[in-house]
Amino acid sequence: MATGKSPRVIRLHELPEGLQEVLGKALEDAPDERYQAATEFRDALRSAGPASKGPSVLSEGECPGCGQSNPLDLKFCRHCGETLETGCLGCREPLGVWSTFCGACGTSVEGALS
């Protein structure tokens, strides 16, 4: 995105089948062949990803990568190294990936993505 060029190494075949088509379209060289709005891209990701099979709710401390439980003060999973923290879309404060609301500003994580 920063250079306006597609990444040089793209391994779409390593992605789940539904995401291959979505990301392939997002990475098209011709701008008119890409998604024309962020909401269009978001909707395509939602329909292609695991969330389309039902909401995925993580327990506090649960790693989204391996499912192992971790102490709440960790930033990365002690089992697989996956991040356990994300930035609030409303105020950028760090919050756990399992959070549904930001404790600093009250932003709904689901509402911020809608």
PDB file of N, CA and C in Angstrom:
ATOM      1  N   MET A   1       0.816  -1.187   0.000  1.00  0.00           N
ATOM      2  CA  MET A   1       0.000   0.000   0.000  1.00  0.00           C
ATOM      3  C   MET A   1       0.862   1.254   0.000  1.00  0.00           C
ATOM      4  N   ALA A   2       1.963   1.221   0.702  1.00  0.00           N
ATOM      5  CA  ALA A   2       2.788   2.422   0.833  1.00  0.00           C
ATOM      6  C   ALA A   2       3.467   2.803  -0.484  1.00  0.00           C
ATOM      7  N   THR A   3       3.772   1.828  -1.309  1.00  0.00           N
ATOM      8  CA  THR A   3       4.472   2.114  -2.556  1.00  0.00           C
ATOM      9  C   THR A   3       3.541   2.202  -3.759  1.00  0.00           C
ATOM     10  N   GLY A   4       2.312   1.748  -3.598  1.00  0.00           N
ATOM     11  CA  GLY A   4       1.381   1.721  -4.713  1.00  0.00           C
ATOM     12  C   GLY A   4       1.586   0.532  -5.630  1.00  0.00           C
ATOM     13  N   LYS A   5       2.473  -0.374  -5.229  1.00  0.00           N
ATOM     14  CA  LYS A   5       2.773  -1.564  -6.028  1.00  0.00           C
ATOM     15  C   LYS A   5       2.373  -2.803  -5.251  1.00  0.00           C
ATOM     16  N   SER A   6       2.112  -3.864  -5.977  1.00  0.00           N
ATOM     17  CA  SER A   6       1.803  -5.138  -5.339  1.00  0.00           C
ATOM     18  C   SER A   6       3.055  -5.703  -4.680  1.00  0.00           C
ATOM     19  N   PRO A   7       2.887  -6.456  -3.583  1.00  0.00           N
ATOM     20  CA  PRO A   7       4.045  -7.097  -2.960  1.00  0.00           C
ATOM     21  C   PRO A   7       4.716  -8.041  -3.956  1.00  0.00           C
ATOM     22  N   ARG A   8       6.010  -8.206  -3.827  1.00  0.00           N
ATOM     23  CA  ARG A   8       6.749  -9.053  -4.764  1.00  0.00           C
ATOM     24  C   ARG A   8       6.530 -10.534  -4.480  1.00  0.00           C
ATOM     25  N   VAL A   9       6.297 -10.883  -3.229  1.00  0.00           N
ATOM     26  CA  VAL A   9       6.097 -12.284  -2.884  1.00  0.00           C
ATOM     27  C   VAL A   9       4.657 -12.455  -2.417  1.00  0.00           C
ATOM     28  N   ILE A  10       3.891 -13.171  -3.214  1.00  0.00           N
ATOM     29  CA  ILE A  10       2.500 -13.439  -2.877  1.00  0.00           C
ATOM     30  C   ILE A  10       2.308 -14.949  -2.944  1.00  0.00           C
ATOM     31  N   ARG A  11       1.912 -15.522  -1.848  1.00  0.00           N
ATOM     32  CA  ARG A  11       1.691 -16.969  -1.799  1.00  0.00           C
ATOM     33  C   ARG A  11       0.214 -17.235  -1.518  1.00  0.00           C
ATOM     34  N   LEU A  12      -0.626 -16.857  -2.469  1.00  0.00           N
ATOM     35  CA  LEU A  12      -2.061 -17.026  -2.297  1.00  0.00           C
ATOM     36  C   LEU A  12      -2.435 -18.485  -2.066  1.00  0.00           C
ATOM     37  N   HIS A  13      -1.678 -19.411  -2.656  1.00  0.00           N
ATOM     38  CA  HIS A  13      -1.977 -20.839  -2.502  1.00  0.00           C
ATOM     39  C   HIS A  13      -1.837 -21.316  -1.059  1.00  0.00           C
ATOM     40  N   GLU A  14      -1.164 -20.537  -0.209  1.00  0.00           N
ATOM     41  CA  GLU A  14      -1.000 -20.913   1.187  1.00  0.00           C
ATOM     42  C   GLU A  14      -2.159 -20.437   2.062  1.00  0.00           C
ATOM     43  N   LEU A  15      -3.053 -19.644   1.482  1.00  0.00           N
ATOM     44  CA  LEU A  15      -4.204 -19.122   2.215  1.00  0.00           C
ATOM     45  C   LEU A  15      -5.383 -20.071   2.108  1.00  0.00           C
ATOM     46  N   PRO A  16      -6.331 -19.985   3.057  1.00  0.00           N
ATOM     47  CA  PRO A  16      -7.563 -20.768   2.906  1.00  0.00           C
ATOM     48  C   PRO A  16      -8.231 -20.408   1.576  1.00  0.00           C
ATOM     49  N   GLU A  17      -8.886 -21.372   0.967  1.00  0.00           N
ATOM     50  CA  GLU A  17      -9.433 -21.212  -0.375  1.00  0.00           C
ATOM     51  C   GLU A  17     -10.294 -19.956  -0.543  1.00  0.00           C
ATOM     52  N   GLY A  18     -11.170 -19.657   0.393  1.00  0.00           N
ATOM     53  CA  GLY A  18     -12.045 -18.497   0.282  1.00  0.00           C
ATOM     54  C   GLY A  18     -11.294 -17.178   0.263  1.00  0.00           C
ATOM     55  N   LEU A  19     -10.172 -17.121   0.965  1.00  0.00           N
ATOM     56  CA  LEU A  19      -9.398 -15.877   1.025  1.00  0.00           C
ATOM     57  C   LEU A  19      -8.530 -15.660  -0.208  1.00  0.00           C
ATOM     58  N   GLN A  20      -8.203 -16.722  -0.935  1.00  0.00           N
ATOM     59  CA  GLN A  20      -7.364 -16.578  -2.121  1.00  0.00           C
ATOM     60  C   GLN A  20      -7.994 -15.614  -3.121  1.00  0.00           C
ATOM     61  N   GLU A  21      -9.274 -15.793  -3.407  1.00  0.00           N
ATOM     62  CA  GLU A  21      -9.956 -14.949  -4.381  1.00  0.00           C
ATOM     63  C   GLU A  21     -10.088 -13.514  -3.877  1.00  0.00           C
ATOM     64  N   VAL A  22     -10.430 -13.356  -2.600  1.00  0.00           N
ATOM     65  CA  VAL A  22     -10.618 -12.018  -2.026  1.00  0.00           C
ATOM     66  C   VAL A  22      -9.310 -11.233  -2.058  1.00  0.00           C
ATOM     67  N   LEU A  23      -8.221 -11.830  -1.574  1.00  0.00           N
ATOM     68  CA  LEU A  23      -6.946 -11.126  -1.554  1.00  0.00           C
ATOM     69  C   LEU A  23      -6.360 -10.967  -2.950  1.00  0.00           C
ATOM     70  N   GLY A  24      -6.638 -11.916  -3.828  1.00  0.00           N
ATOM     71  CA  GLY A  24      -6.203 -11.778  -5.209  1.00  0.00           C
ATOM     72  C   GLY A  24      -6.813 -10.547  -5.856  1.00  0.00           C
ATOM     73  N   LYS A  25      -8.095 -10.313  -5.604  1.00  0.00           N
ATOM     74  CA  LYS A  25      -8.758  -9.127  -6.141  1.00  0.00           C
ATOM     75  C   LYS A  25      -8.199  -7.859  -5.500  1.00  0.00           C
ATOM     76  N   ALA A  26      -7.934  -7.895  -4.203  1.00  0.00           N
ATOM     77  CA  ALA A  26      -7.401  -6.719  -3.502  1.00  0.00           C
ATOM     78  C   ALA A  26      -6.007  -6.346  -4.011  1.00  0.00           C
ATOM     79  N   LEU A  27      -5.268  -7.318  -4.508  1.00  0.00           N
ATOM     80  CA  LEU A  27      -3.894  -7.089  -4.965  1.00  0.00           C
ATOM     81  C   LEU A  27      -3.767  -6.908  -6.475  1.00  0.00           C
ATOM     82  N   GLU A  28      -4.880  -6.805  -7.167  1.00  0.00           N
ATOM     83  CA  GLU A  28      -4.831  -6.602  -8.625  1.00  0.00           C
ATOM     84  C   GLU A  28      -3.993  -5.379  -8.964  1.00  0.00           C
ATOM     85  N   ASP A  29      -3.242  -5.443 -10.042  1.00  0.00           N
ATOM     86  CA  ASP A  29      -2.438  -4.306 -10.483  1.00  0.00           C
ATOM     87  C   ASP A  29      -3.303  -3.158 -10.985  1.00  0.00           C
ATOM     88  N   ALA A  30      -4.357  -3.459 -11.711  1.00  0.00           N
ATOM     89  CA  ALA A  30      -5.233  -2.418 -12.260  1.00  0.00           C
ATOM     90  C   ALA A  30      -6.207  -1.939 -11.180  1.00  0.00           C
ATOM     91  N   PRO A  31      -6.169  -0.666 -10.813  1.00  0.00           N
ATOM     92  CA  PRO A  31      -7.035  -0.145  -9.753  1.00  0.00           C
ATOM     93  C   PRO A  31      -8.523  -0.423  -9.963  1.00  0.00           C
ATOM     94  N   ASP A  32      -8.999  -0.390 -11.197  1.00  0.00           N
ATOM     95  CA  ASP A  32     -10.427  -0.607 -11.434  1.00  0.00           C
ATOM     96  C   ASP A  32     -10.841  -2.066 -11.262  1.00  0.00           C
ATOM     97  N   GLU A  33      -9.870  -2.979 -11.120  1.00  0.00           N
ATOM     98  CA  GLU A  33     -10.171  -4.385 -10.877  1.00  0.00           C
ATOM     99  C   GLU A  33     -10.120  -4.730  -9.389  1.00  0.00           C
ATOM    100  N   ARG A  34      -9.670  -3.785  -8.559  1.00  0.00           N
ATOM    101  CA  ARG A  34      -9.630  -3.975  -7.099  1.00  0.00           C
ATOM    102  C   ARG A  34     -10.970  -3.586  -6.491  1.00  0.00           C
ATOM    103  N   TYR A  35     -11.109  -3.809  -5.191  1.00  0.00           N
ATOM    104  CA  TYR A  35     -12.289  -3.346  -4.464  1.00  0.00           C
ATOM    105  C   TYR A  35     -12.304  -1.829  -4.524  1.00  0.00           C
ATOM    106  N   GLN A  36     -13.466  -1.260  -4.730  1.00  0.00           N
ATOM    107  CA  GLN A  36     -13.576   0.186  -4.894  1.00  0.00           C
ATOM    108  C   GLN A  36     -13.851   0.908  -3.583  1.00  0.00           C
ATOM    109  N   ALA A  37     -14.148   0.163  -2.531  1.00  0.00           N
ATOM    110  CA  ALA A  37     -14.400   0.762  -1.224  1.00  0.00           C
ATOM    111  C   ALA A  37     -13.942  -0.205  -0.139  1.00  0.00           C
ATOM    112  N   ALA A  38     -13.530   0.348   0.982  1.00  0.00           N
ATOM    113  CA  ALA A  38     -13.086  -0.480   2.106  1.00  0.00           C
ATOM    114  C   ALA A  38     -14.223  -1.370   2.596  1.00  0.00           C
ATOM    115  N   THR A  39     -15.454  -0.865   2.547  1.00  0.00           N
ATOM    116  CA  THR A  39     -16.598  -1.663   3.000  1.00  0.00           C
ATOM    117  C   THR A  39     -16.817  -2.870   2.083  1.00  0.00           C
ATOM    118  N   GLU A  40     -16.560  -2.703   0.803  1.00  0.00           N
ATOM    119  CA  GLU A  40     -16.683  -3.815  -0.156  1.00  0.00           C
ATOM    120  C   GLU A  40     -15.641  -4.898   0.174  1.00  0.00           C
ATOM    121  N   PHE A  41     -14.411  -4.472   0.477  1.00  0.00           N
ATOM    122  CA  PHE A  41     -13.349  -5.404   0.853  1.00  0.00           C
ATOM    123  C   PHE A  41     -13.687  -6.088   2.172  1.00  0.00           C
ATOM    124  N   ARG A  42     -14.156  -5.313   3.154  1.00  0.00           N
ATOM    125  CA  ARG A  42     -14.552  -5.872   4.456  1.00  0.00           C
ATOM    126  C   ARG A  42     -15.623  -6.939   4.286  1.00  0.00           C
ATOM    127  N   ASP A  43     -16.647  -6.646   3.495  1.00  0.00           N
ATOM    128  CA  ASP A  43     -17.734  -7.599   3.298  1.00  0.00           C
ATOM    129  C   ASP A  43     -17.246  -8.881   2.633  1.00  0.00           C
ATOM    130  N   ALA A  44     -16.336  -8.740   1.670  1.00  0.00           N
ATOM    131  CA  ALA A  44     -15.780  -9.915   1.003  1.00  0.00           C
ATOM    132  C   ALA A  44     -14.966 -10.757   1.983  1.00  0.00           C
ATOM    133  N   LEU A  45     -14.183 -10.099   2.851  1.00  0.00           N
ATOM    134  CA  LEU A  45     -13.407 -10.825   3.859  1.00  0.00           C
ATOM    135  C   LEU A  45     -14.329 -11.556   4.835  1.00  0.00           C
ATOM    136  N   ARG A  46     -15.383 -10.877   5.256  1.00  0.00           N
ATOM    137  CA  ARG A  46     -16.322 -11.494   6.194  1.00  0.00           C
ATOM    138  C   ARG A  46     -16.998 -12.711   5.598  1.00  0.00           C
ATOM    139  N   SER A  47     -17.389 -12.622   4.338  1.00  0.00           N
ATOM    140  CA  SER A  47     -18.088 -13.753   3.729  1.00  0.00           C
ATOM    141  C   SER A  47     -17.140 -14.908   3.419  1.00  0.00           C
ATOM    142  N   ALA A  48     -15.858 -14.631   3.246  1.00  0.00           N
ATOM    143  CA  ALA A  48     -14.882 -15.671   2.904  1.00  0.00           C
ATOM    144  C   ALA A  48     -14.217 -16.294   4.118  1.00  0.00           C
ATOM    145  N   GLY A  49     -14.150 -15.543   5.224  1.00  0.00           N
ATOM    146  CA  GLY A  49     -13.393 -15.998   6.376  1.00  0.00           C
ATOM    147  C   GLY A  49     -14.174 -16.867   7.337  1.00  0.00           C
ATOM    148  N   PRO A  50     -13.511 -17.336   8.377  1.00  0.00           N
ATOM    149  CA  PRO A  50     -14.130 -18.209   9.380  1.00  0.00           C
ATOM    150  C   PRO A  50     -15.327 -17.575  10.069  1.00  0.00           C
ATOM    151  N   ALA A  51     -15.371 -16.241  10.148  1.00  0.00           N
ATOM    152  CA  ALA A  51     -16.479 -15.583  10.825  1.00  0.00           C
ATOM    153  C   ALA A  51     -17.799 -15.854  10.129  1.00  0.00           C
ATOM    154  N   SER A  52     -17.773 -16.214   8.831  1.00  0.00           N
ATOM    155  CA  SER A  52     -19.004 -16.487   8.111  1.00  0.00           C
ATOM    156  C   SER A  52     -19.663 -17.774   8.593  1.00  0.00           C
ATOM    157  N   LYS A  53     -18.907 -18.604   9.300  1.00  0.00           N
ATOM    158  CA  LYS A  53     -19.447 -19.850   9.823  1.00  0.00           C
ATOM    159  C   LYS A  53     -20.034 -19.668  11.216  1.00  0.00           C
ATOM    160  N   GLY A  54     -20.135 -18.430  11.657  1.00  0.00           N
ATOM    161  CA  GLY A  54     -20.658 -18.148  12.985  1.00  0.00           C
ATOM    162  C   GLY A  54     -19.660 -17.323  13.751  1.00  0.00           C
ATOM    163  N   PRO A  55     -20.116 -16.574  14.750  1.00  0.00           N
ATOM    164  CA  PRO A  55     -19.207 -15.713  15.481  1.00  0.00           C
ATOM    165  C   PRO A  55     -18.167 -16.514  16.244  1.00  0.00           C
ATOM    166  N   SER A  56     -16.955 -16.019  16.217  1.00  0.00           N
ATOM    167  CA  SER A  56     -15.874 -16.649  16.944  1.00  0.00           C
ATOM    168  C   SER A  56     -15.598 -15.804  18.180  1.00  0.00           C
ATOM    169  N   VAL A  57     -15.883 -16.353  19.333  1.00  0.00           N
ATOM    170  CA  VAL A  57     -15.690 -15.618  20.570  1.00  0.00           C
ATOM    171  C   VAL A  57     -14.555 -16.275  21.340  1.00  0.00           C
ATOM    172  N   LEU A  58     -13.534 -15.473  21.633  1.00  0.00           N
ATOM    173  CA  LEU A  58     -12.399 -15.975  22.395  1.00  0.00           C
ATOM    174  C   LEU A  58     -12.634 -15.726  23.873  1.00  0.00           C
ATOM    175  N   SER A  59     -12.232 -16.668  24.690  1.00  0.00           N
ATOM    176  CA  SER A  59     -12.242 -16.455  26.133  1.00  0.00           C
ATOM    177  C   SER A  59     -11.085 -15.540  26.489  1.00  0.00           C
ATOM    178  N   GLU A  60     -11.177 -14.872  27.640  1.00  0.00           N
ATOM    179  CA  GLU A  60     -10.079 -13.994  28.061  1.00  0.00           C
ATOM    180  C   GLU A  60      -8.782 -14.789  28.129  1.00  0.00           C
ATOM    181  N   GLY A  61      -7.748 -14.263  27.486  1.00  0.00           N
ATOM    182  CA  GLY A  61      -6.440 -14.894  27.480  1.00  0.00           C
ATOM    183  C   GLY A  61      -6.269 -15.957  26.416  1.00  0.00           C
ATOM    184  N   GLU A  62      -7.345 -16.307  25.701  1.00  0.00           N
ATOM    185  CA  GLU A  62      -7.268 -17.356  24.689  1.00  0.00           C
ATOM    186  C   GLU A  62      -6.586 -16.846  23.424  1.00  0.00           C
ATOM    187  N   CYS A  63      -5.640 -17.609  22.939  1.00  0.00           N
ATOM    188  CA  CYS A  63      -4.898 -17.253  21.734  1.00  0.00           C
ATOM    189  C   CYS A  63      -5.738 -17.546  20.491  1.00  0.00           C
ATOM    190  N   PRO A  64      -5.854 -16.576  19.566  1.00  0.00           N
ATOM    191  CA  PRO A  64      -6.597 -16.837  18.345  1.00  0.00           C
ATOM    192  C   PRO A  64      -5.879 -17.798  17.405  1.00  0.00           C
ATOM    193  N   GLY A  65      -4.573 -17.970  17.594  1.00  0.00           N
ATOM    194  CA  GLY A  65      -3.793 -18.846  16.734  1.00  0.00           C
ATOM    195  C   GLY A  65      -3.849 -20.309  17.132  1.00  0.00           C
ATOM    196  N   CYS A  66      -3.619 -20.581  18.413  1.00  0.00           N
ATOM    197  CA  CYS A  66      -3.544 -21.982  18.847  1.00  0.00           C
ATOM    198  C   CYS A  66      -4.614 -22.367  19.862  1.00  0.00           C
ATOM    199  N   GLY A  67      -5.351 -21.388  20.385  1.00  0.00           N
ATOM    200  CA  GLY A  67      -6.429 -21.679  21.315  1.00  0.00           C
ATOM    201  C   GLY A  67      -5.995 -21.880  22.762  1.00  0.00           C
ATOM    202  N   GLN A  68      -4.698 -21.792  23.034  1.00  0.00           N
ATOM    203  CA  GLN A  68      -4.197 -21.986  24.385  1.00  0.00           C
ATOM    204  C   GLN A  68      -4.521 -20.781  25.272  1.00  0.00           C
ATOM    205  N   SER A  69      -4.708 -21.025  26.538  1.00  0.00           N
ATOM    206  CA  SER A  69      -4.983 -19.967  27.502  1.00  0.00           C
ATOM    207  C   SER A  69      -3.673 -19.333  27.973  1.00  0.00           C
ATOM    208  N   ASN A  70      -3.697 -18.011  28.147  1.00  0.00           N
ATOM    209  CA  ASN A  70      -2.509 -17.260  28.558  1.00  0.00           C
ATOM    210  C   ASN A  70      -2.868 -16.302  29.680  1.00  0.00           C
ATOM    211  N   PRO A  71      -1.889 -15.905  30.494  1.00  0.00           N
ATOM    212  CA  PRO A  71      -2.134 -14.853  31.481  1.00  0.00           C
ATOM    213  C   PRO A  71      -2.542 -13.564  30.752  1.00  0.00           C
ATOM    214  N   LEU A  72      -3.433 -12.787  31.342  1.00  0.00           N
ATOM    215  CA  LEU A  72      -3.977 -11.602  30.686  1.00  0.00           C
ATOM    216  C   LEU A  72      -2.958 -10.492  30.452  1.00  0.00           C
ATOM    217  N   ASP A  73      -1.825 -10.528  31.150  1.00  0.00           N
ATOM    218  CA  ASP A  73      -0.836  -9.462  30.989  1.00  0.00           C
ATOM    219  C   ASP A  73       0.155  -9.715  29.846  1.00  0.00           C
ATOM    220  N   LEU A  74       0.061 -10.842  29.167  1.00  0.00           N
ATOM    221  CA  LEU A  74       0.970 -11.133  28.060  1.00  0.00           C
ATOM    222  C   LEU A  74       0.520 -10.442  26.778  1.00  0.00           C
ATOM    223  N   LYS A  75       1.490 -10.028  25.968  1.00  0.00           N
ATOM    224  CA  LYS A  75       1.191  -9.420  24.671  1.00  0.00           C
ATOM    225  C   LYS A  75       1.243 -10.460  23.552  1.00  0.00           C
ATOM    226  N   PHE A  76       1.959 -11.551  23.794  1.00  0.00           N
ATOM    227  CA  PHE A  76       2.097 -12.608  22.801  1.00  0.00           C
ATOM    228  C   PHE A  76       1.851 -13.951  23.469  1.00  0.00           C
ATOM    229  N   CYS A  77       1.285 -14.890  22.715  1.00  0.00           N
ATOM    230  CA  CYS A  77       0.992 -16.222  23.235  1.00  0.00           C
ATOM    231  C   CYS A  77       2.281 -16.930  23.636  1.00  0.00           C
ATOM    232  N   ARG A  78       2.285 -17.491  24.821  1.00  0.00           N
ATOM    233  CA  ARG A  78       3.483 -18.189  25.300  1.00  0.00           C
ATOM    234  C   ARG A  78       3.628 -19.566  24.652  1.00  0.00           C
ATOM    235  N   HIS A  79       2.627 -19.993  23.892  1.00  0.00           N
ATOM    236  CA  HIS A  79       2.680 -21.304  23.245  1.00  0.00           C
ATOM    237  C   HIS A  79       3.098 -21.217  21.778  1.00  0.00           C
ATOM    238  N   CYS A  80       2.552 -20.206  21.045  1.00  0.00           N
ATOM    239  CA  CYS A  80       2.852 -20.140  19.606  1.00  0.00           C
ATOM    240  C   CYS A  80       3.388 -18.777  19.155  1.00  0.00           C
ATOM    241  N   GLY A  81       3.376 -17.773  20.030  1.00  0.00           N
ATOM    242  CA  GLY A  81       3.912 -16.463  19.683  1.00  0.00           C
ATOM    243  C   GLY A  81       2.941 -15.520  18.984  1.00  0.00           C
ATOM    244  N   GLU A  82       1.705 -15.967  18.752  1.00  0.00           N
ATOM    245  CA  GLU A  82       0.680 -15.120  18.119  1.00  0.00           C
ATOM    246  C   GLU A  82       0.383 -13.911  19.010  1.00  0.00           C
ATOM    247  N   THR A  83       0.058 -12.775  18.393  1.00  0.00           N
ATOM    248  CA  THR A  83      -0.255 -11.588  19.177  1.00  0.00           C
ATOM    249  C   THR A  83      -1.569 -11.767  19.946  1.00  0.00           C
ATOM    250  N   LEU A  84      -1.589 -11.268  21.156  1.00  0.00           N
ATOM    251  CA  LEU A  84      -2.786 -11.314  21.995  1.00  0.00           C
ATOM    252  C   LEU A  84      -3.363  -9.921  22.192  1.00  0.00           C
ATOM    253  N   GLU A  85      -2.790  -8.953  21.497  1.00  0.00           N
ATOM    254  CA  GLU A  85      -3.169  -7.554  21.704  1.00  0.00           C
ATOM    255  C   GLU A  85      -3.409  -6.877  20.361  1.00  0.00           C
ATOM    256  N   THR A  86      -4.382  -5.996  20.352  1.00  0.00           N
ATOM    257  CA  THR A  86      -4.674  -5.198  19.172  1.00  0.00           C
ATOM    258  C   THR A  86      -4.943  -3.767  19.612  1.00  0.00           C
ATOM    259  N   GLY A  87      -4.948  -2.838  18.699  1.00  0.00           N
ATOM    260  CA  GLY A  87      -5.235  -1.450  19.030  1.00  0.00           C
ATOM    261  C   GLY A  87      -6.702  -1.151  18.823  1.00  0.00           C
ATOM    262  N   CYS A  88      -7.309  -0.433  19.747  1.00  0.00           N
ATOM    263  CA  CYS A  88      -8.702  -0.019  19.612  1.00  0.00           C
ATOM    264  C   CYS A  88      -8.827   0.851  18.364  1.00  0.00           C
ATOM    265  N   LEU A  89      -9.854   0.622  17.583  1.00  0.00           N
ATOM    266  CA  LEU A  89     -10.067   1.414  16.373  1.00  0.00           C
ATOM    267  C   LEU A  89     -10.583   2.810  16.697  1.00  0.00           C
ATOM    268  N   GLY A  90     -11.060   3.002  17.934  1.00  0.00           N
ATOM    269  CA  GLY A  90     -11.566   4.311  18.328  1.00  0.00           C
ATOM    270  C   GLY A  90     -10.492   5.218  18.900  1.00  0.00           C
ATOM    271  N   CYS A  91      -9.661   4.669  19.818  1.00  0.00           N
ATOM    272  CA  CYS A  91      -8.692   5.521  20.516  1.00  0.00           C
ATOM    273  C   CYS A  91      -7.259   5.005  20.423  1.00  0.00           C
ATOM    274  N   ARG A  92      -7.056   3.846  19.791  1.00  0.00           N
ATOM    275  CA  ARG A  92      -5.731   3.243  19.605  1.00  0.00           C
ATOM    276  C   ARG A  92      -5.118   2.651  20.879  1.00  0.00           C
ATOM    277  N   GLU A  93      -5.847   2.656  21.976  1.00  0.00           N
ATOM    278  CA  GLU A  93      -5.340   2.018  23.196  1.00  0.00           C
ATOM    279  C   GLU A  93      -5.243   0.512  22.969  1.00  0.00           C
ATOM    280  N   PRO A  94      -4.219  -0.140  23.525  1.00  0.00           N
ATOM    281  CA  PRO A  94      -4.110  -1.591  23.358  1.00  0.00           C
ATOM    282  C   PRO A  94      -5.217  -2.324  24.117  1.00  0.00           C
ATOM    283  N   LEU A  95      -5.741  -3.385  23.503  1.00  0.00           N
ATOM    284  CA  LEU A  95      -6.722  -4.226  24.177  1.00  0.00           C
ATOM    285  C   LEU A  95      -6.551  -5.652  23.710  1.00  0.00           C
ATOM    286  N   GLY A  96      -7.023  -6.580  24.520  1.00  0.00           N
ATOM    287  CA  GLY A  96      -6.900  -7.998  24.192  1.00  0.00           C
ATOM    288  C   GLY A  96      -7.725  -8.349  22.972  1.00  0.00           C
ATOM    289  N   VAL A  97      -7.245  -9.300  22.170  1.00  0.00           N
ATOM    290  CA  VAL A  97      -7.948  -9.692  20.957  1.00  0.00           C
ATOM    291  C   VAL A  97      -9.314 -10.304  21.263  1.00  0.00           C
ATOM    292  N   TRP A  98      -9.552 -10.706  22.482  1.00  0.00           N
ATOM    293  CA  TRP A  98     -10.822 -11.293  22.894  1.00  0.00           C
ATOM    294  C   TRP A  98     -11.832 -10.229  23.345  1.00  0.00           C
ATOM    295  N   SER A  99     -11.397  -8.989  23.467  1.00  0.00           N
ATOM    296  CA  SER A  99     -12.260  -7.914  23.966  1.00  0.00           C
ATOM    297  C   SER A  99     -13.379  -7.581  22.998  1.00  0.00           C
ATOM    298  N   THR A 100     -14.544  -7.223  23.544  1.00  0.00           N
ATOM    299  CA  THR A 100     -15.653  -6.780  22.707  1.00  0.00           C
ATOM    300  C   THR A 100     -15.869  -5.275  22.829  1.00  0.00           C
ATOM    301  N   PHE A 101     -15.346  -4.669  23.903  1.00  0.00           N
ATOM    302  CA  PHE A 101     -15.428  -3.222  24.111  1.00  0.00           C
ATOM    303  C   PHE A 101     -14.079  -2.715  24.614  1.00  0.00           C
ATOM    304  N   CYS A 102     -13.737  -1.502  24.224  1.00  0.00           N
ATOM    305  CA  CYS A 102     -12.524  -0.864  24.721  1.00  0.00           C
ATOM    306  C   CYS A 102     -12.831  -0.266  26.087  1.00  0.00           C
ATOM    307  N   GLY A 103     -12.005  -0.582  27.067  1.00  0.00           N
ATOM    308  CA  GLY A 103     -12.197  -0.041  28.406  1.00  0.00           C
ATOM    309  C   GLY A 103     -11.842   1.426  28.513  1.00  0.00           C
ATOM    310  N   ALA A 104     -11.054   1.960  27.582  1.00  0.00           N
ATOM    311  CA  ALA A 104     -10.632   3.357  27.636  1.00  0.00           C
ATOM    312  C   ALA A 104     -11.666   4.305  27.038  1.00  0.00           C
ATOM    313  N   CYS A 105     -12.273   3.922  25.893  1.00  0.00           N
ATOM    314  CA  CYS A 105     -13.214   4.843  25.230  1.00  0.00           C
ATOM    315  C   CYS A 105     -14.607   4.264  25.053  1.00  0.00           C
ATOM    316  N   GLY A 106     -14.788   2.967  25.333  1.00  0.00           N
ATOM    317  CA  GLY A 106     -16.101   2.353  25.224  1.00  0.00           C
ATOM    318  C   GLY A 106     -16.489   1.929  23.817  1.00  0.00           C
ATOM    319  N   THR A 107     -15.559   2.028  22.855  1.00  0.00           N
ATOM    320  CA  THR A 107     -15.866   1.620  21.496  1.00  0.00           C
ATOM    321  C   THR A 107     -16.150   0.128  21.443  1.00  0.00           C
ATOM    322  N   SER A 108     -17.219  -0.233  20.752  1.00  0.00           N
ATOM    323  CA  SER A 108     -17.533  -1.633  20.510  1.00  0.00           C
ATOM    324  C   SER A 108     -16.632  -2.133  19.403  1.00  0.00           C
ATOM    325  N   VAL A 109     -15.921  -3.208  19.633  1.00  0.00           N
ATOM    326  CA  VAL A 109     -15.022  -3.751  18.626  1.00  0.00           C
ATOM    327  C   VAL A 109     -15.829  -4.127  17.384  1.00  0.00           C
ATOM    328  N   GLU A 110     -16.960  -4.790  17.538  1.00  0.00           N
ATOM    329  CA  GLU A 110     -17.800  -5.160  16.401  1.00  0.00           C
ATOM    330  C   GLU A 110     -18.360  -3.914  15.734  1.00  0.00           C
ATOM    331  N   GLY A 111     -18.776  -2.942  16.506  1.00  0.00           N
ATOM    332  CA  GLY A 111     -19.323  -1.711  15.947  1.00  0.00           C
ATOM    333  C   GLY A 111     -18.294  -0.938  15.151  1.00  0.00           C
ATOM    334  N   ALA A 112     -17.050  -0.972  15.578  1.00  0.00           N
ATOM    335  CA  ALA A 112     -15.982  -0.247  14.877  1.00  0.00           C
ATOM    336  C   ALA A 112     -15.688  -0.882  13.526  1.00  0.00           C
ATOM    337  N   LEU A 113     -15.958  -2.186  13.400  1.00  0.00           N
ATOM    338  CA  LEU A 113     -15.702  -2.884  12.145  1.00  0.00           C
ATOM    339  C   LEU A 113     -16.874  -2.835  11.196  1.00  0.00           C
ATOM    340  N   SER A 114     -18.008  -2.415  11.671  1.00  0.00           N
ATOM    341  CA  SER A 114     -19.206  -2.381  10.829  1.00  0.00           C
ATOM    342  C   SER A 114     -19.219  -1.182   9.918  1.00  0.00           C
TER     343      SER A 114
END
